[in-house]
Amino acid sequence: MTPAIDAARKAGIAFHIHEYQHDPSAASYGLEAAEKMGVPPEQVFKTLVAEAGIELVVAIIPVEQTLNLKKIARAAGAKKAAMAEGKKVERSSGYVLGGVSPLGQKRALRTFVDESAAAFREIYVSAGKRGLEIQLAPQDLLKLTGGELASLCN
């Protein structure tokens, strides 16, 4: 049980948990998840944390995409953004890198979800540890995180 799963349960949303054997040598945790679950990579989203101005923000984007720092800065109303240092991510989220979930984070951060998520009935995000994914509706993800849709990728 992870804080992400607890948050989904407490909210009473529909979700499914998918567990797979994580390979520590995998080049990309997200692409590994898509492959092992047998789902299209554009439906599996990774959770990134960026520094936009003076605040940390969460960006949730498809695993095969790259976060456009200008776009996340614009979405957050900041002049510029940079990827947050790993230790800051782990401290603010309570999760280890490669297993950061947008749900149940230790400190709630403003969250932005790539607009491509709206094209799917359900998407997959980390459930709080490597090898564990949660499948849920994008609208439920937005509701649980207080997030908003934005164009975030190149």
C-alpha atoms as a PDB file:
ATOM      1  CA  MET A   1       0.000   0.000   0.000  1.00  0.00           C
ATOM      2  CA  THR A   2       1.321   3.430  -0.929  1.00  0.00           C
ATOM      3  CA  PRO A   3       0.103   6.970  -0.144  1.00  0.00           C
ATOM      4  CA  ALA A   4      -1.030   7.191  -3.807  1.00  0.00           C
ATOM      5  CA  ILE A   5      -3.273   4.130  -3.486  1.00  0.00           C
ATOM      6  CA  ASP A   6      -4.568   5.393  -0.138  1.00  0.00           C
ATOM      7  CA  ALA A   7      -5.449   8.755  -1.724  1.00  0.00           C
ATOM      8  CA  ALA A   8      -7.343   7.064  -4.559  1.00  0.00           C
ATOM      9  CA  ARG A   9      -9.230   4.802  -2.136  1.00  0.00           C
ATOM     10  CA  LYS A  10     -10.169   7.680   0.174  1.00  0.00           C
ATOM     11  CA  ALA A  11     -11.454   9.692  -2.803  1.00  0.00           C
ATOM     12  CA  GLY A  12     -13.694   6.800  -3.842  1.00  0.00           C
ATOM     13  CA  ILE A  13     -12.653   6.903  -7.486  1.00  0.00           C
ATOM     14  CA  ALA A  14     -12.519   3.933  -9.849  1.00  0.00           C
ATOM     15  CA  PHE A  15      -8.955   2.708 -10.362  1.00  0.00           C
ATOM     16  CA  HIS A  16      -6.895  -0.414 -11.009  1.00  0.00           C
ATOM     17  CA  ILE A  17      -3.416  -1.259  -9.767  1.00  0.00           C
ATOM     18  CA  HIS A  18      -0.874  -2.901 -12.060  1.00  0.00           C
ATOM     19  CA  GLU A  19       2.258  -4.458 -10.638  1.00  0.00           C
ATOM     20  CA  TYR A  20       5.188  -5.753 -12.652  1.00  0.00           C
ATOM     21  CA  GLN A  21       8.737  -6.880 -11.960  1.00  0.00           C
ATOM     22  CA  HIS A  22      10.869  -3.739 -12.303  1.00  0.00           C
ATOM     23  CA  ASP A  23      14.231  -4.191 -14.015  1.00  0.00           C
ATOM     24  CA  PRO A  24      16.792  -1.876 -12.328  1.00  0.00           C
ATOM     25  CA  SER A  25      18.768  -1.730 -15.588  1.00  0.00           C
ATOM     26  CA  ALA A  26      15.811  -0.368 -17.607  1.00  0.00           C
ATOM     27  CA  ALA A  27      16.782   2.788 -19.491  1.00  0.00           C
ATOM     28  CA  SER A  28      13.356   4.385 -18.954  1.00  0.00           C
ATOM     29  CA  TYR A  29      11.032   3.519 -16.080  1.00  0.00           C
ATOM     30  CA  GLY A  30       8.009   4.810 -18.014  1.00  0.00           C
ATOM     31  CA  LEU A  31       8.714   2.947 -21.237  1.00  0.00           C
ATOM     32  CA  GLU A  32       9.438  -0.180 -19.196  1.00  0.00           C
ATOM     33  CA  ALA A  33       6.009   0.194 -17.533  1.00  0.00           C
ATOM     34  CA  ALA A  34       4.232   0.546 -20.886  1.00  0.00           C
ATOM     35  CA  GLU A  35       6.020  -2.479 -22.312  1.00  0.00           C
ATOM     36  CA  LYS A  36       5.484  -4.732 -19.293  1.00  0.00           C
ATOM     37  CA  MET A  37       1.796  -3.780 -19.003  1.00  0.00           C
ATOM     38  CA  GLY A  38       1.264  -4.094 -22.769  1.00  0.00           C
ATOM     39  CA  VAL A  39      -0.255  -0.630 -23.179  1.00  0.00           C
ATOM     40  CA  PRO A  40       0.605   2.165 -25.653  1.00  0.00           C
ATOM     41  CA  PRO A  41       3.353   4.444 -24.263  1.00  0.00           C
ATOM     42  CA  GLU A  42       1.267   7.541 -25.068  1.00  0.00           C
ATOM     43  CA  GLN A  43      -1.234   6.333 -22.431  1.00  0.00           C
ATOM     44  CA  VAL A  44       1.410   5.982 -19.678  1.00  0.00           C
ATOM     45  CA  PHE A  45       2.365   9.245 -17.980  1.00  0.00           C
ATOM     46  CA  LYS A  46       5.423  10.164 -15.944  1.00  0.00           C
ATOM     47  CA  THR A  47       5.461  12.564 -13.019  1.00  0.00           C
ATOM     48  CA  LEU A  48       8.114  15.258 -13.162  1.00  0.00           C
ATOM     49  CA  VAL A  49       8.830  18.087 -10.739  1.00  0.00           C
ATOM     50  CA  ALA A  50      10.121  21.436 -11.965  1.00  0.00           C
ATOM     51  CA  GLU A  51      11.060  24.702 -10.343  1.00  0.00           C
ATOM     52  CA  ALA A  52       8.910  27.399 -11.943  1.00  0.00           C
ATOM     53  CA  GLY A  53      10.102  30.688 -10.571  1.00  0.00           C
ATOM     54  CA  ILE A  54      10.369  30.105  -6.824  1.00  0.00           C
ATOM     55  CA  GLU A  55       7.856  27.252  -6.523  1.00  0.00           C
ATOM     56  CA  LEU A  56       7.978  23.539  -7.225  1.00  0.00           C
ATOM     57  CA  VAL A  57       5.308  22.316  -9.647  1.00  0.00           C
ATOM     58  CA  VAL A  58       4.325  18.895 -10.938  1.00  0.00           C
ATOM     59  CA  ALA A  59       4.187  18.130 -14.668  1.00  0.00           C
ATOM     60  CA  ILE A  60       2.513  14.908 -15.789  1.00  0.00           C
ATOM     61  CA  ILE A  61       3.420  14.005 -19.365  1.00  0.00           C
ATOM     62  CA  PRO A  62       3.471  10.914 -21.629  1.00  0.00           C
ATOM     63  CA  VAL A  63       6.529   8.738 -20.918  1.00  0.00           C
ATOM     64  CA  GLU A  64       7.866   9.012 -24.459  1.00  0.00           C
ATOM     65  CA  GLN A  65       7.721  12.824 -24.455  1.00  0.00           C
ATOM     66  CA  THR A  66      10.040  15.513 -23.118  1.00  0.00           C
ATOM     67  CA  LEU A  67       8.855  18.327 -20.874  1.00  0.00           C
ATOM     68  CA  ASN A  68       9.108  21.732 -22.542  1.00  0.00           C
ATOM     69  CA  LEU A  69      10.405  23.977 -19.758  1.00  0.00           C
ATOM     70  CA  LYS A  70       9.061  27.137 -21.416  1.00  0.00           C
ATOM     71  CA  LYS A  71       5.592  25.609 -21.541  1.00  0.00           C
ATOM     72  CA  ILE A  72       5.567  24.539 -17.889  1.00  0.00           C
ATOM     73  CA  ALA A  73       6.832  28.001 -16.907  1.00  0.00           C
ATOM     74  CA  ARG A  74       4.025  29.600 -18.922  1.00  0.00           C
ATOM     75  CA  ALA A  75       1.416  27.270 -17.396  1.00  0.00           C
ATOM     76  CA  ALA A  76       2.668  28.142 -13.897  1.00  0.00           C
ATOM     77  CA  GLY A  77       2.830  31.873 -14.638  1.00  0.00           C
ATOM     78  CA  ALA A  78       6.608  32.011 -14.181  1.00  0.00           C
ATOM     79  CA  LYS A  79       9.292  33.581 -16.372  1.00  0.00           C
ATOM     80  CA  LYS A  80      11.318  30.370 -16.572  1.00  0.00           C
ATOM     81  CA  ALA A  81      11.508  26.840 -15.244  1.00  0.00           C
ATOM     82  CA  ALA A  82      14.130  24.178 -14.631  1.00  0.00           C
ATOM     83  CA  MET A  83      13.951  20.554 -13.581  1.00  0.00           C
ATOM     84  CA  ALA A  84      14.040  20.216  -9.793  1.00  0.00           C
ATOM     85  CA  GLU A  85      17.003  18.552  -8.152  1.00  0.00           C
ATOM     86  CA  GLY A  86      16.378  14.905  -7.245  1.00  0.00           C
ATOM     87  CA  LYS A  87      16.720  15.445  -3.489  1.00  0.00           C
ATOM     88  CA  LYS A  88      14.131  18.245  -3.600  1.00  0.00           C
ATOM     89  CA  VAL A  89      11.754  15.993  -5.528  1.00  0.00           C
ATOM     90  CA  GLU A  90      12.108  13.174  -3.013  1.00  0.00           C
ATOM     91  CA  ARG A  91      11.737  15.532  -0.020  1.00  0.00           C
ATOM     92  CA  SER A  92       8.633  17.283  -1.352  1.00  0.00           C
ATOM     93  CA  SER A  93       6.894  14.171  -2.720  1.00  0.00           C
ATOM     94  CA  GLY A  94       7.903  11.510  -0.206  1.00  0.00           C
ATOM     95  CA  TYR A  95       8.662   9.155  -3.109  1.00  0.00           C
ATOM     96  CA  VAL A  96      11.917   7.877  -4.643  1.00  0.00           C
ATOM     97  CA  LEU A  97      12.861   8.928  -8.164  1.00  0.00           C
ATOM     98  CA  GLY A  98      11.408   6.546 -10.716  1.00  0.00           C
ATOM     99  CA  GLY A  99       8.421   5.961  -8.447  1.00  0.00           C
ATOM    100  CA  VAL A 100       7.099   9.491  -7.939  1.00  0.00           C
ATOM    101  CA  SER A 101       3.318   9.459  -8.046  1.00  0.00           C
ATOM    102  CA  PRO A 102       1.210  12.554  -8.621  1.00  0.00           C
ATOM    103  CA  LEU A 103      -1.128  11.204  -5.910  1.00  0.00           C
ATOM    104  CA  GLY A 104      -0.521  11.217  -2.174  1.00  0.00           C
ATOM    105  CA  GLN A 105       2.520  13.452  -2.251  1.00  0.00           C
ATOM    106  CA  LYS A 106       3.845  14.594   1.105  1.00  0.00           C
ATOM    107  CA  ARG A 107       3.521  18.247   0.056  1.00  0.00           C
ATOM    108  CA  ALA A 108       0.754  19.197  -2.357  1.00  0.00           C
ATOM    109  CA  LEU A 109       2.196  21.072  -5.329  1.00  0.00           C
ATOM    110  CA  ARG A 110       0.423  22.826  -8.175  1.00  0.00           C
ATOM    111  CA  THR A 111      -0.042  20.197 -10.849  1.00  0.00           C
ATOM    112  CA  PHE A 112      -0.273  20.397 -14.624  1.00  0.00           C
ATOM    113  CA  VAL A 113      -1.271  17.462 -16.817  1.00  0.00           C
ATOM    114  CA  ASP A 114      -0.397  17.383 -20.507  1.00  0.00           C
ATOM    115  CA  GLU A 115      -3.511  18.020 -22.569  1.00  0.00           C
ATOM    116  CA  SER A 116      -2.976  14.744 -24.468  1.00  0.00           C
ATOM    117  CA  ALA A 117      -4.363  12.912 -21.404  1.00  0.00           C
ATOM    118  CA  ALA A 118      -7.859  14.168 -22.279  1.00  0.00           C
ATOM    119  CA  ALA A 119      -7.877  11.931 -25.380  1.00  0.00           C
ATOM    120  CA  PHE A 120      -7.977   8.777 -23.215  1.00  0.00           C
ATOM    121  CA  ARG A 121     -10.709   7.218 -21.121  1.00  0.00           C
ATOM    122  CA  GLU A 122      -8.001   6.025 -18.715  1.00  0.00           C
ATOM    123  CA  ILE A 123      -4.305   6.713 -18.248  1.00  0.00           C
ATOM    124  CA  TYR A 124      -1.563   5.147 -16.152  1.00  0.00           C
ATOM    125  CA  VAL A 125       0.634   6.962 -13.629  1.00  0.00           C
ATOM    126  CA  SER A 126       3.025   5.743 -10.966  1.00  0.00           C
ATOM    127  CA  ALA A 127       1.323   4.378  -7.869  1.00  0.00           C
ATOM    128  CA  GLY A 128       4.251   5.369  -5.676  1.00  0.00           C
ATOM    129  CA  LYS A 129       7.018   2.884  -6.307  1.00  0.00           C
ATOM    130  CA  ARG A 130       8.921   1.397  -9.204  1.00  0.00           C
ATOM    131  CA  GLY A 131       6.977  -1.470 -10.755  1.00  0.00           C
ATOM    132  CA  LEU A 132       3.582  -0.223  -9.561  1.00  0.00           C
ATOM    133  CA  GLU A 133       1.147   1.770 -11.716  1.00  0.00           C
ATOM    134  CA  ILE A 134      -2.352   3.083 -11.120  1.00  0.00           C
ATOM    135  CA  GLN A 135      -4.894   3.197 -13.956  1.00  0.00           C
ATOM    136  CA  LEU A 136      -7.512   5.939 -13.636  1.00  0.00           C
ATOM    137  CA  ALA A 137      -9.566   8.440 -15.596  1.00  0.00           C
ATOM    138  CA  PRO A 138      -7.751  11.691 -16.447  1.00  0.00           C
ATOM    139  CA  GLN A 139     -10.644  13.654 -14.900  1.00  0.00           C
ATOM    140  CA  ASP A 140     -10.124  11.806 -11.600  1.00  0.00           C
ATOM    141  CA  LEU A 141      -6.400  12.556 -11.708  1.00  0.00           C
ATOM    142  CA  LEU A 142      -7.178  16.243 -12.216  1.00  0.00           C
ATOM    143  CA  LYS A 143      -9.717  16.205  -9.393  1.00  0.00           C
ATOM    144  CA  LEU A 144      -7.408  14.436  -6.923  1.00  0.00           C
ATOM    145  CA  THR A 145      -4.404  16.644  -7.650  1.00  0.00           C
ATOM    146  CA  GLY A 146      -6.282  19.915  -8.167  1.00  0.00           C
ATOM    147  CA  GLY A 147      -4.491  19.891 -11.515  1.00  0.00           C
ATOM    148  CA  GLU A 148      -5.185  21.564 -14.793  1.00  0.00           C
ATOM    149  CA  LEU A 149      -4.646  20.560 -18.402  1.00  0.00           C
ATOM    150  CA  ALA A 150      -1.909  22.387 -20.306  1.00  0.00           C
ATOM    151  CA  SER A 151       0.293  21.947 -23.356  1.00  0.00           C
ATOM    152  CA  LEU A 152       3.554  20.745 -21.774  1.00  0.00           C
ATOM    153  CA  CYS A 153       5.520  18.862 -24.430  1.00  0.00           C
ATOM    154  CA  ASN A 154       7.577  19.863 -27.458  1.00  0.00           C
END
